[in-house]
N, C-alpha and C. Protein backbone atom coordinates (compact mmCIF):
# COMPACT_ATOMS: atom_id res chain seq x y z
N MET A 1 9.61 28.03 58.71
CA MET A 1 9.17 28.65 57.48
C MET A 1 9.81 30.01 57.31
N CYS A 2 10.26 30.30 56.12
CA CYS A 2 10.87 31.59 55.82
C CYS A 2 9.79 32.64 55.63
N CYS A 3 10.20 33.87 55.80
CA CYS A 3 9.28 34.96 55.57
C CYS A 3 10.05 36.09 54.91
N SER A 4 9.70 36.40 53.68
CA SER A 4 10.35 37.51 52.98
C SER A 4 9.28 38.49 52.53
N SER A 5 9.69 39.72 52.32
CA SER A 5 8.73 40.75 51.91
C SER A 5 8.33 40.58 50.45
N ASP A 6 7.21 41.17 50.10
CA ASP A 6 6.74 41.12 48.72
C ASP A 6 7.77 41.74 47.78
N LYS A 7 8.41 42.83 48.22
CA LYS A 7 9.39 43.52 47.39
C LYS A 7 10.58 42.61 47.10
N VAL A 8 11.07 41.92 48.12
CA VAL A 8 12.21 41.02 47.92
C VAL A 8 11.82 39.90 46.96
N ARG A 9 10.68 39.30 47.17
CA ARG A 9 10.23 38.23 46.27
C ARG A 9 10.08 38.74 44.84
N GLU A 10 9.55 39.94 44.68
CA GLU A 10 9.37 40.53 43.35
C GLU A 10 10.71 40.70 42.63
N VAL A 11 11.71 41.23 43.33
CA VAL A 11 13.02 41.46 42.72
C VAL A 11 13.72 40.14 42.42
N VAL A 12 13.64 39.18 43.33
CA VAL A 12 14.26 37.88 43.10
C VAL A 12 13.65 37.22 41.87
N LYS A 13 12.33 37.26 41.78
CA LYS A 13 11.65 36.66 40.63
C LYS A 13 12.05 37.35 39.33
N GLU A 14 12.18 38.66 39.37
CA GLU A 14 12.56 39.45 38.20
C GLU A 14 13.99 39.14 37.74
N LYS A 15 14.90 38.95 38.68
CA LYS A 15 16.31 38.74 38.35
C LYS A 15 16.65 37.30 38.01
N ALA A 16 15.83 36.36 38.44
CA ALA A 16 16.10 34.93 38.19
C ALA A 16 15.94 34.62 36.70
N ARG A 17 16.78 33.73 36.23
CA ARG A 17 16.70 33.26 34.84
C ARG A 17 16.58 31.75 34.84
N ASP A 18 15.57 31.25 34.15
CA ASP A 18 15.35 29.80 34.06
C ASP A 18 15.26 29.14 35.43
N GLY A 19 14.65 29.84 36.39
CA GLY A 19 14.47 29.28 37.73
C GLY A 19 15.75 29.24 38.56
N LYS A 20 16.74 30.05 38.17
CA LYS A 20 18.02 30.07 38.88
C LYS A 20 18.47 31.51 39.12
N LEU A 21 19.23 31.67 40.21
CA LEU A 21 19.79 32.97 40.56
C LEU A 21 21.19 32.73 41.13
N SER A 22 22.16 33.47 40.65
CA SER A 22 23.52 33.29 41.15
C SER A 22 23.67 33.89 42.55
N CYS A 23 24.58 33.34 43.30
CA CYS A 23 24.84 33.83 44.65
C CYS A 23 25.31 35.30 44.62
N PRO A 24 26.22 35.66 43.72
CA PRO A 24 26.62 37.08 43.69
C PRO A 24 25.43 38.01 43.40
N GLU A 25 24.53 37.57 42.55
CA GLU A 25 23.34 38.39 42.25
C GLU A 25 22.44 38.46 43.48
N ALA A 26 22.30 37.37 44.21
CA ALA A 26 21.49 37.37 45.43
C ALA A 26 22.07 38.34 46.45
N ARG A 27 23.38 38.33 46.61
CA ARG A 27 24.02 39.26 47.55
C ARG A 27 23.83 40.71 47.10
N LYS A 28 23.89 40.94 45.80
CA LYS A 28 23.68 42.28 45.25
C LYS A 28 22.26 42.76 45.54
N ILE A 29 21.29 41.88 45.35
CA ILE A 29 19.89 42.22 45.65
C ILE A 29 19.75 42.60 47.12
N ALA A 30 20.33 41.79 47.99
CA ALA A 30 20.23 42.06 49.43
C ALA A 30 20.82 43.43 49.77
N LYS A 31 21.97 43.72 49.20
CA LYS A 31 22.64 45.01 49.47
C LYS A 31 21.78 46.17 48.96
N GLU A 32 21.27 46.04 47.73
CA GLU A 32 20.47 47.11 47.13
C GLU A 32 19.18 47.37 47.92
N LEU A 33 18.57 46.30 48.44
CA LEU A 33 17.31 46.44 49.18
C LEU A 33 17.53 46.67 50.68
N GLY A 34 18.77 46.54 51.12
CA GLY A 34 19.07 46.76 52.54
C GLY A 34 18.48 45.69 53.45
N VAL A 35 18.51 44.45 52.96
CA VAL A 35 17.98 43.33 53.74
C VAL A 35 19.08 42.29 53.93
N PRO A 36 18.94 41.41 54.92
CA PRO A 36 19.93 40.34 55.09
C PRO A 36 19.91 39.38 53.90
N THR A 37 21.05 38.80 53.59
CA THR A 37 21.12 37.83 52.49
C THR A 37 20.18 36.66 52.75
N ARG A 38 19.98 36.33 54.01
CA ARG A 38 19.07 35.23 54.36
C ARG A 38 17.65 35.49 53.85
N GLU A 39 17.21 36.74 53.87
CA GLU A 39 15.87 37.06 53.39
C GLU A 39 15.77 36.82 51.88
N VAL A 40 16.83 37.12 51.15
CA VAL A 40 16.85 36.86 49.71
C VAL A 40 16.82 35.35 49.47
N GLY A 41 17.58 34.61 50.28
CA GLY A 41 17.57 33.15 50.18
C GLY A 41 16.19 32.57 50.47
N CYS A 42 15.52 33.12 51.47
CA CYS A 42 14.17 32.66 51.80
C CYS A 42 13.21 32.95 50.65
N ALA A 43 13.34 34.13 50.05
CA ALA A 43 12.48 34.47 48.92
C ALA A 43 12.70 33.49 47.77
N ALA A 44 13.95 33.16 47.51
CA ALA A 44 14.26 32.19 46.45
C ALA A 44 13.63 30.84 46.78
N ASN A 45 13.73 30.41 48.02
CA ASN A 45 13.11 29.14 48.42
C ASN A 45 11.60 29.18 48.23
N GLU A 46 10.99 30.26 48.66
CA GLU A 46 9.54 30.40 48.53
C GLU A 46 9.10 30.35 47.06
N LEU A 47 9.93 30.90 46.19
CA LEU A 47 9.62 30.95 44.76
C LEU A 47 10.14 29.73 44.00
N LYS A 48 10.77 28.80 44.72
CA LYS A 48 11.35 27.60 44.10
C LYS A 48 12.43 27.95 43.07
N ILE A 49 13.22 28.99 43.40
CA ILE A 49 14.32 29.42 42.55
C ILE A 49 15.61 28.90 43.17
N LYS A 50 16.40 28.22 42.36
CA LYS A 50 17.64 27.62 42.83
C LYS A 50 18.77 28.64 42.80
N LEU A 51 19.48 28.74 43.92
CA LEU A 51 20.67 29.59 43.98
C LEU A 51 21.89 28.74 43.62
N TYR A 52 22.80 29.32 42.85
CA TYR A 52 23.99 28.57 42.43
C TYR A 52 25.21 29.47 42.49
N GLY A 53 26.36 28.85 42.44
CA GLY A 53 27.62 29.58 42.40
C GLY A 53 27.97 30.28 43.70
N CYS A 54 27.58 29.67 44.81
CA CYS A 54 27.86 30.31 46.11
C CYS A 54 29.34 30.26 46.41
N GLU A 55 29.88 31.40 46.75
CA GLU A 55 31.30 31.51 47.07
C GLU A 55 31.57 31.48 48.57
N LEU A 56 30.52 31.71 49.36
CA LEU A 56 30.70 31.82 50.81
C LEU A 56 29.99 30.74 51.61
N GLY A 57 29.25 29.89 50.94
CA GLY A 57 28.50 28.86 51.66
C GLY A 57 27.27 29.39 52.38
N CYS A 58 26.77 30.53 51.93
CA CYS A 58 25.60 31.16 52.58
C CYS A 58 24.30 30.46 52.23
N PHE A 59 24.22 29.89 51.03
CA PHE A 59 22.96 29.33 50.56
C PHE A 59 23.12 27.85 50.31
């Protein structure tokens, strides 16, 4: 089971559009919050938000 902070989940939910979040946006969120990209991915999973457009195969 993933575990992400309330702040990460809040920002992911805010930035997602139509239940989706782009990979570049996910990486940007991680950098801005100073957390690993994996935590942003976990937050998206917890919120049932689909990540798309991955350029690095991270998600």
